[in-house]
Protein backbone atom coordinates (compact mmCIF):
# COMPACT_ATOMS: atom_id res chain seq x y z
CA MET A 1 0.01 -0.03 -0.02
CA THR A 2 1.45 3.43 -0.82
CA SER A 3 1.82 6.02 1.89
CA PRO A 4 1.09 9.77 2.02
CA VAL A 5 4.42 10.37 2.08
CA ASP A 6 5.26 8.15 -0.60
CA LEU A 7 2.68 10.02 -2.57
CA ARG A 8 4.28 13.67 -1.69
CA ARG A 9 7.53 12.49 -3.08
CA ARG A 10 6.28 11.26 -6.28
CA SER A 11 4.53 14.16 -7.13
CA CYS A 12 7.21 16.44 -6.52
CA ARG A 13 9.08 14.70 -9.01
CA PRO A 14 8.22 15.60 -12.80
CA ALA A 15 6.94 12.15 -14.78
CA TRP A 16 10.10 12.89 -17.15
CA ALA A 17 12.80 13.03 -14.44
CA GLY A 18 13.43 9.05 -13.99
CA ARG A 19 16.47 7.55 -12.83
CA ASN A 20 18.89 7.56 -15.60
CA TYR A 21 17.61 10.85 -15.99
CA GLY A 22 18.75 11.73 -12.65
CA LEU A 23 22.05 10.17 -12.93
CA LEU A 24 22.95 11.28 -15.72
CA THR A 25 22.17 15.12 -14.19
CA ALA A 26 24.21 14.65 -11.70
CA ALA A 27 26.84 12.99 -13.37
CA ALA A 28 27.09 15.91 -16.09
CA PHE A 29 27.08 18.36 -13.02
CA VAL A 30 30.05 16.83 -11.68
CA THR A 31 32.04 16.38 -14.99
CA ASN A 32 31.20 19.93 -15.87
CA LEU A 33 32.36 21.33 -12.28
CA GLY A 34 36.04 19.88 -12.56
CA SER A 35 36.23 20.51 -16.69
CA HIS A 36 35.77 24.10 -16.76
CA GLY A 37 38.30 24.71 -14.33
CA ALA A 38 40.71 22.42 -16.05
CA LEU A 39 40.08 24.50 -19.50
CA ILE A 40 41.39 27.71 -17.69
CA ALA A 41 44.02 25.74 -15.76
CA ALA A 42 45.42 23.59 -18.99
CA ALA A 43 46.06 26.99 -20.52
CA PHE A 44 47.60 28.47 -17.75
CA ALA A 45 49.88 25.21 -16.82
CA VAL A 46 51.12 25.81 -20.56
CA LEU A 47 52.37 29.30 -19.89
CA GLU A 48 53.55 28.67 -16.48
CA ALA A 49 56.15 25.80 -17.80
CA GLY A 50 57.25 28.72 -20.21
CA GLY A 51 55.09 28.12 -23.18
CA ASP A 52 53.54 30.72 -25.23
CA GLY A 53 50.58 31.09 -27.21
CA GLY A 54 51.49 28.96 -29.60
CA ASP A 55 52.17 26.36 -27.13
CA VAL A 56 48.48 26.46 -25.91
CA GLY A 57 47.13 26.35 -29.17
CA LEU A 58 49.26 23.30 -30.01
CA VAL A 59 48.12 21.69 -26.56
CA ALA A 60 44.07 22.72 -27.45
CA ALA A 61 44.72 21.00 -30.82
CA ALA A 62 46.36 17.96 -29.38
CA ARG A 63 42.64 17.51 -27.71
CA THR A 64 40.47 18.42 -30.94
CA LEU A 65 42.21 16.17 -33.22
CA PRO A 66 41.74 12.85 -32.02
CA LEU A 67 38.50 14.36 -30.84
CA VAL A 68 37.61 15.03 -34.50
CA LEU A 69 39.14 11.66 -35.83
CA PHE A 70 37.13 9.11 -33.39
CA LEU A 71 33.72 10.65 -33.06
CA LEU A 72 31.88 8.49 -35.23
CA ILE A 73 33.81 5.36 -35.11
CA GLY A 74 33.00 6.13 -30.71
CA GLY A 75 29.65 6.60 -31.89
CA ALA A 76 29.37 3.07 -34.05
CA VAL A 77 31.14 1.42 -30.51
CA ALA A 78 28.22 2.93 -28.29
CA ASP A 79 25.74 1.49 -30.94
CA ARG A 80 27.68 -2.34 -30.24
CA LEU A 81 28.13 -2.28 -26.56
CA PRO A 82 25.84 -1.12 -23.70
CA ARG A 83 26.14 2.86 -23.50
CA HIS A 84 26.99 3.23 -19.77
CA ARG A 85 29.92 0.79 -20.50
CA VAL A 86 31.56 3.01 -22.91
CA MET A 87 30.44 6.14 -20.84
CA VAL A 88 32.25 4.55 -17.72
CA ALA A 89 35.51 3.24 -19.72
CA ALA A 90 35.83 6.60 -21.20
CA ASN A 91 35.53 8.76 -18.10
CA ALA A 92 37.98 6.55 -16.50
CA LEU A 93 40.82 7.42 -19.37
CA ASN A 94 40.04 10.96 -19.05
CA CYS A 95 40.36 10.55 -15.62
CA LEU A 96 43.57 8.84 -15.48
CA SER A 97 45.00 11.06 -18.48
CA GLN A 98 43.99 14.27 -16.17
CA ALA A 99 45.43 12.77 -13.13
CA ALA A 100 49.07 12.84 -14.90
CA PHE A 101 48.65 15.70 -16.18
CA ALA A 102 48.40 16.90 -12.15
CA VAL A 103 51.79 15.37 -11.51
CA LEU A 104 53.64 16.23 -14.31
CA ILE A 105 52.66 20.27 -13.75
CA LEU A 106 53.20 19.64 -9.93
CA SER A 107 56.65 18.06 -10.50
CA GLY A 108 57.44 20.98 -12.37
CA GLU A 109 58.95 19.33 -15.32
CA ALA A 110 56.26 19.11 -17.88
CA GLU A 111 57.44 19.43 -21.63
CA LEU A 112 55.61 20.69 -24.39
CA TRP A 113 54.78 16.92 -25.91
CA GLN A 114 53.99 15.40 -22.42
CA MET A 115 51.20 18.01 -21.82
CA MET A 116 49.99 17.21 -25.78
CA LEU A 117 49.92 13.64 -25.47
CA LEU A 118 47.65 13.66 -22.15
CA THR A 119 45.44 15.69 -23.76
CA ALA A 120 45.18 13.81 -26.56
CA LEU A 121 44.28 10.85 -24.56
CA GLY A 122 41.55 13.04 -22.90
CA GLY A 123 40.29 13.89 -26.55
CA THR A 124 40.03 10.39 -27.54
CA GLY A 125 38.17 9.54 -24.13
CA GLN A 126 35.63 12.39 -25.27
CA ALA A 127 35.01 11.23 -28.76
CA PHE A 128 34.26 8.03 -27.53
CA PHE A 129 31.96 9.31 -24.27
CA SER A 130 30.20 11.99 -26.23
CA PRO A 131 27.90 9.53 -28.69
CA ALA A 132 26.93 7.52 -26.11
CA ALA A 133 25.96 10.02 -23.99
CA GLU A 134 23.93 11.68 -26.59
CA GLY A 135 22.05 8.46 -27.17
CA MET A 136 21.98 7.65 -23.43
CA LEU A 137 19.87 11.40 -22.98
CA LEU A 138 17.72 11.39 -25.97
CA SER A 139 16.28 7.35 -24.22
CA SER A 140 16.22 8.78 -21.10
CA VAL A 141 13.58 11.06 -22.07
CA GLU A 142 9.84 10.91 -23.65
CA GLY A 143 6.74 12.59 -24.19
CA GLU A 144 5.66 15.91 -24.60
CA GLN A 145 8.02 17.62 -22.23
CA ALA A 146 11.27 16.67 -23.75
CA SER A 147 12.15 19.77 -24.57
CA ARG A 148 11.71 20.76 -20.51
CA ALA A 149 13.48 18.05 -19.57
CA PHE A 150 16.49 18.41 -21.75
CA ALA A 151 16.43 22.65 -20.41
CA VAL A 152 16.69 21.64 -17.04
CA PHE A 153 19.41 19.02 -17.86
CA ARG A 154 21.64 21.65 -19.79
CA MET A 155 20.24 24.19 -16.66
CA ALA A 156 22.54 21.73 -13.84
CA MET A 157 25.14 21.15 -16.47
CA GLN A 158 25.79 25.03 -16.95
CA GLY A 159 25.08 25.78 -13.83
CA ALA A 160 27.97 23.41 -12.79
CA ALA A 161 30.00 25.65 -15.66
CA VAL A 162 29.51 29.01 -14.02
CA GLY A 163 30.69 27.77 -10.55
CA GLY A 164 33.61 25.46 -12.24
CA ALA A 165 34.91 28.08 -14.51
CA ALA A 166 34.78 30.87 -11.52
CA LEU A 167 36.75 28.81 -9.13
CA GLY A 168 39.22 27.28 -11.24
CA GLY A 169 40.10 30.59 -12.08
CA ALA A 170 40.70 31.67 -8.62
CA MET A 171 42.24 28.64 -8.13
CA VAL A 172 44.77 28.81 -10.44
CA ALA A 173 46.06 32.13 -9.43
CA ALA A 174 45.76 31.03 -5.63
CA ILE A 175 47.91 27.70 -5.69
CA GLY A 176 48.04 26.96 -9.28
CA PRO A 177 46.78 24.97 -12.05
CA GLY A 178 48.21 21.52 -11.15
CA TRP A 179 45.77 20.97 -8.46
CA VAL A 180 42.79 22.15 -10.73
CA LEU A 181 43.76 19.43 -12.86
CA ALA A 182 43.78 17.15 -10.28
CA ALA A 183 40.36 18.13 -8.95
CA ASP A 184 39.16 17.31 -12.54
CA ALA A 185 40.80 13.98 -12.33
CA ALA A 186 38.55 13.40 -9.37
CA ALA A 187 35.61 14.52 -10.52
CA PHE A 188 35.87 12.42 -13.53
CA ALA A 189 36.29 9.18 -11.28
CA VAL A 190 32.79 10.28 -9.07
CA ALA A 191 31.08 11.00 -12.31
CA GLY A 192 32.08 7.61 -13.91
CA SER A 193 30.75 5.85 -10.67
CA MET A 194 27.52 7.00 -11.27
CA ARG A 195 27.26 6.13 -15.01
CA ALA A 196 27.54 2.89 -13.74
CA PHE A 197 24.77 2.48 -12.59
CA LEU A 198 22.58 3.38 -15.18
CA ASP A 199 20.02 1.17 -16.82
CA VAL A 200 20.29 0.21 -20.40
CA GLY A 201 17.85 -2.77 -20.60
CA HIS A 202 15.04 -0.43 -22.01
CA ILE A 203 17.18 0.29 -25.07
CA PRO A 204 16.60 -2.59 -27.92
CA GLN A 205 19.31 -5.06 -28.76
CA ARG A 206 20.82 -3.61 -32.06
CA VAL A 207 20.17 -5.65 -35.46
CA ARG A 208 23.10 -7.46 -36.40
CA GLY A 209 24.19 -6.23 -39.30
CA GLY A 210 27.26 -5.81 -41.84
CA GLY A 211 29.87 -4.76 -39.41
CA MET A 212 31.20 -1.22 -38.03
CA LEU A 213 32.04 0.01 -41.79
CA ALA A 214 28.44 -0.86 -42.80
CA ASP A 215 27.06 0.91 -39.63
CA LEU A 216 29.32 3.79 -40.56
CA ARG A 217 27.49 4.18 -44.18
CA GLU A 218 24.11 3.88 -42.65
CA GLY A 219 24.70 6.73 -40.03
CA TRP A 220 26.60 8.72 -43.12
CA ARG A 221 23.24 8.00 -45.44
CA GLU A 222 21.04 9.59 -42.59
CA PHE A 223 23.45 12.51 -42.13
CA ALA A 224 23.81 13.28 -46.07
CA GLY A 225 20.21 12.96 -46.62
CA ARG A 226 19.00 15.94 -44.69
CA PRO A 227 20.09 19.28 -45.61
CA TRP A 228 18.72 20.65 -42.79
CA LEU A 229 20.74 18.44 -40.43
CA TRP A 230 24.48 18.90 -42.14
CA GLY A 231 23.78 22.56 -43.01
CA ILE A 232 23.52 23.16 -39.25
CA VAL A 233 26.24 20.98 -38.30
CA VAL A 234 28.87 22.77 -40.93
CA GLN A 235 27.55 26.07 -39.52
CA PHE A 236 28.24 25.19 -35.88
CA SER A 237 30.99 23.33 -36.71
CA ILE A 238 32.61 26.36 -37.91
CA ALA A 239 31.70 28.48 -35.16
CA ASN A 240 32.66 25.83 -32.60
CA ALA A 241 36.31 25.94 -34.08
CA VAL A 242 36.63 29.81 -33.81
CA VAL A 243 35.05 29.86 -30.19
CA GLY A 244 37.18 26.96 -29.15
CA ALA A 245 40.51 28.55 -30.45
CA ALA A 246 39.14 31.79 -28.04
CA ASP A 247 38.49 29.85 -25.27
CA ALA A 248 41.60 28.15 -25.09
CA VAL A 249 44.43 29.95 -26.75
CA TYR A 250 43.35 33.32 -27.53
CA GLY A 251 41.53 34.30 -24.16
CA PRO A 252 44.08 33.35 -21.61
CA LEU A 253 46.66 35.42 -23.51
CA VAL A 254 44.62 38.36 -23.57
CA ALA A 255 43.93 37.78 -19.81
CA ARG A 256 47.23 37.68 -18.81
CA ASP A 257 48.53 40.74 -20.89
CA HIS A 258 45.84 43.15 -20.42
CA LEU A 259 42.75 41.70 -17.83
CA GLY A 260 45.37 40.76 -14.82
CA GLY A 261 45.40 36.88 -15.41
CA ALA A 262 43.49 33.87 -14.47
CA GLY A 263 41.22 35.30 -12.00
CA PRO A 264 39.40 37.82 -14.54
CA TRP A 265 39.23 35.83 -17.48
CA GLY A 266 37.78 32.97 -14.51
CA LEU A 267 35.07 35.54 -14.02
CA ALA A 268 34.33 35.96 -17.52
CA LEU A 269 33.80 31.86 -18.25
CA GLY A 270 31.70 32.27 -14.95
CA PHE A 271 29.44 34.80 -16.83
CA PHE A 272 29.28 32.80 -19.78
CA GLY A 273 28.18 30.23 -17.63
CA ALA A 274 25.74 32.24 -16.16
CA GLY A 275 24.21 33.44 -19.15
CA THR A 276 23.80 29.64 -20.44
CA VAL A 277 21.74 29.10 -17.35
CA ALA A 278 19.93 31.99 -17.69
CA GLY A 279 19.19 30.71 -21.06
CA ALA A 280 18.54 27.22 -19.90
CA LEU A 281 15.68 28.76 -17.56
CA LEU A 282 14.20 30.52 -20.32
CA MET A 283 13.72 27.70 -22.41
CA THR A 284 11.91 25.67 -19.53
CA ARG A 285 9.05 28.28 -20.00
CA TRP A 286 9.37 28.93 -23.95
CA LYS A 287 9.11 26.51 -26.85
CA PRO A 288 9.64 28.38 -30.23
CA ARG A 289 7.41 27.62 -32.97
CA ARG A 290 10.50 26.87 -35.12
CA LEU A 291 13.26 25.07 -33.33
CA LEU A 292 15.38 25.31 -35.76
CA LEU A 293 15.34 28.57 -37.13
CA ALA A 294 15.63 29.97 -33.68
CA GLY A 295 18.30 27.95 -32.59
CA THR A 296 20.55 28.51 -35.74
CA LEU A 297 20.07 32.40 -35.18
CA CYS A 298 21.28 32.24 -32.09
CA VAL A 299 24.55 30.81 -33.11
CA PHE A 300 25.90 34.45 -34.94
CA PRO A 301 26.17 36.03 -31.52
CA LEU A 302 29.15 33.41 -30.82
CA ALA A 303 31.65 35.87 -32.82
CA LEU A 304 31.07 38.75 -30.00
CA PRO A 305 33.39 37.30 -27.18
CA SER A 306 36.21 37.24 -30.12
CA ALA A 307 35.52 40.74 -30.96
CA ALA A 308 35.30 41.78 -27.32
CA LEU A 309 38.90 39.95 -27.09
CA ALA A 310 40.32 41.32 -30.24
CA VAL A 311 39.87 45.18 -28.97
CA PRO A 312 40.30 43.99 -26.12
CA ALA A 313 37.62 45.45 -23.91
CA PRO A 314 37.53 45.92 -20.23
CA ILE A 315 36.69 43.07 -18.06
CA SER A 316 33.27 44.55 -17.23
CA VAL A 317 32.28 44.65 -21.05
CA LEU A 318 33.79 41.05 -21.90
CA CYS A 319 31.63 39.69 -19.01
CA ALA A 320 28.49 41.15 -20.56
CA VAL A 321 29.45 40.08 -23.87
CA MET A 322 30.02 36.25 -22.60
CA PHE A 323 26.87 36.30 -20.19
CA LEU A 324 24.67 37.34 -23.95
CA THR A 325 26.53 34.52 -25.59
CA GLY A 326 25.65 31.74 -22.98
CA VAL A 327 21.82 32.64 -23.12
CA THR A 328 21.83 32.59 -27.34
CA LEU A 329 23.72 29.34 -27.22
CA GLU A 330 21.72 27.31 -24.78
CA VAL A 331 18.42 28.40 -26.69
CA PHE A 332 20.38 26.53 -29.15
CA GLY A 333 21.76 23.75 -27.40
CA VAL A 334 18.21 23.54 -26.07
CA SER A 335 16.28 23.80 -29.88
CA TRP A 336 18.78 21.40 -31.25
CA MET A 337 18.57 18.21 -28.77
CA THR A 338 14.54 18.50 -29.09
CA ALA A 339 14.83 18.33 -32.78
CA GLN A 340 17.07 15.39 -32.41
CA HIS A 341 14.54 13.44 -30.08
CA HIS A 342 11.83 14.38 -32.72
CA VAL A 343 13.70 12.68 -35.02
CA GLU A 344 15.08 9.68 -33.41
CA CYS A 345 11.50 8.76 -32.21
CA ASN A 346 10.09 9.07 -35.87
CA LEU A 347 12.59 7.02 -37.36
CA SER A 348 11.37 3.43 -37.96
CA GLN A 349 15.05 1.94 -38.17
CA ALA A 350 15.70 -0.47 -35.40
CA SER A 351 18.70 1.54 -34.21
CA SER A 352 18.73 5.39 -35.43
CA HIS A 353 21.90 6.02 -33.42
CA PRO A 354 24.35 5.74 -36.43
CA TYR A 355 22.42 8.96 -37.35
CA LEU A 356 22.78 10.85 -34.27
CA LEU A 357 26.45 10.20 -34.10
CA ALA A 358 27.05 12.24 -37.30
CA THR A 359 25.80 15.42 -34.98
CA SER A 360 27.14 14.61 -31.68
CA ALA A 361 30.17 16.65 -32.36
CA LEU A 362 27.79 19.51 -31.85
CA ARG A 363 28.11 18.96 -27.97
CA ALA A 364 30.72 17.08 -27.22
CA ARG A 365 32.62 19.89 -25.78
CA GLN A 366 29.90 20.14 -23.25
CA VAL A 367 29.31 17.39 -21.65
């Protein structure tokens, strides 16, 4: 017999907030809390080791290259193996690579090639993690409230980014980047432990086909056959590359030379995170009639932070620009995830995941 207390507890939780959704949201919060501090720490670790802007760019590229090379392969693997196991294995790789990076920096004997290698391992882990996480999240939500569920998920994720960026910048300034990298390694360990308890019993068994290459060909056909899809992917890929370069390379350099160091840059990233939280909160209440049009228009303001850094604008102006950009980026993010969810629900294939894999790069750097 159900007690009144049980009924009250059930009524406090929305129907779409199931066990998997809760675990995914909590794990994403922990991961983002560590990773956004680590983004600042990695850049300043290179600079403190005697590197320049070019070296910071090389370390950033070392993460991006394996992410691009292995993303589709990681998607095919996620379609063949239990997704939660792929996610946990990827988190373990990220944990070990960040822990080794931290030890390297704390020892004071870091060399550029070592930092590039460890960062590349982190990018490889992310390439295998992102498609599995994408499919797992989309399968954990159903019904008319999908858009709200995705908005709440991203609000928790981006809320962690606010704290992570601000705390990371302060920690780098106070105790150095090595300890921030160590905290990120611990965050991956905690998040991986949470993801180990995900339930994949509701996910249908894939239909046995011709192999991984056949899966990749199927995914490519699904991707190339939808102009609206590859058009948005191309648009955001270009924007993401530019914004990524500003975040990883140009921003820390400008902060060091003109804004006062890691603290102000962490504050600016914190305002960006606050903007994403505000954008996610907006999307819990607002569902645009034309999701993809609204989302695509919101990609264009991503150019504003790079323009502010190029001036360079005062820290107050940069923070305002970063906040606005965060709001618009989150409108795009929720709109895009909701559109993907609708498409996945309407596909008649036994496994629609290969189609989604071709698009997962749009949020690979966010989870």
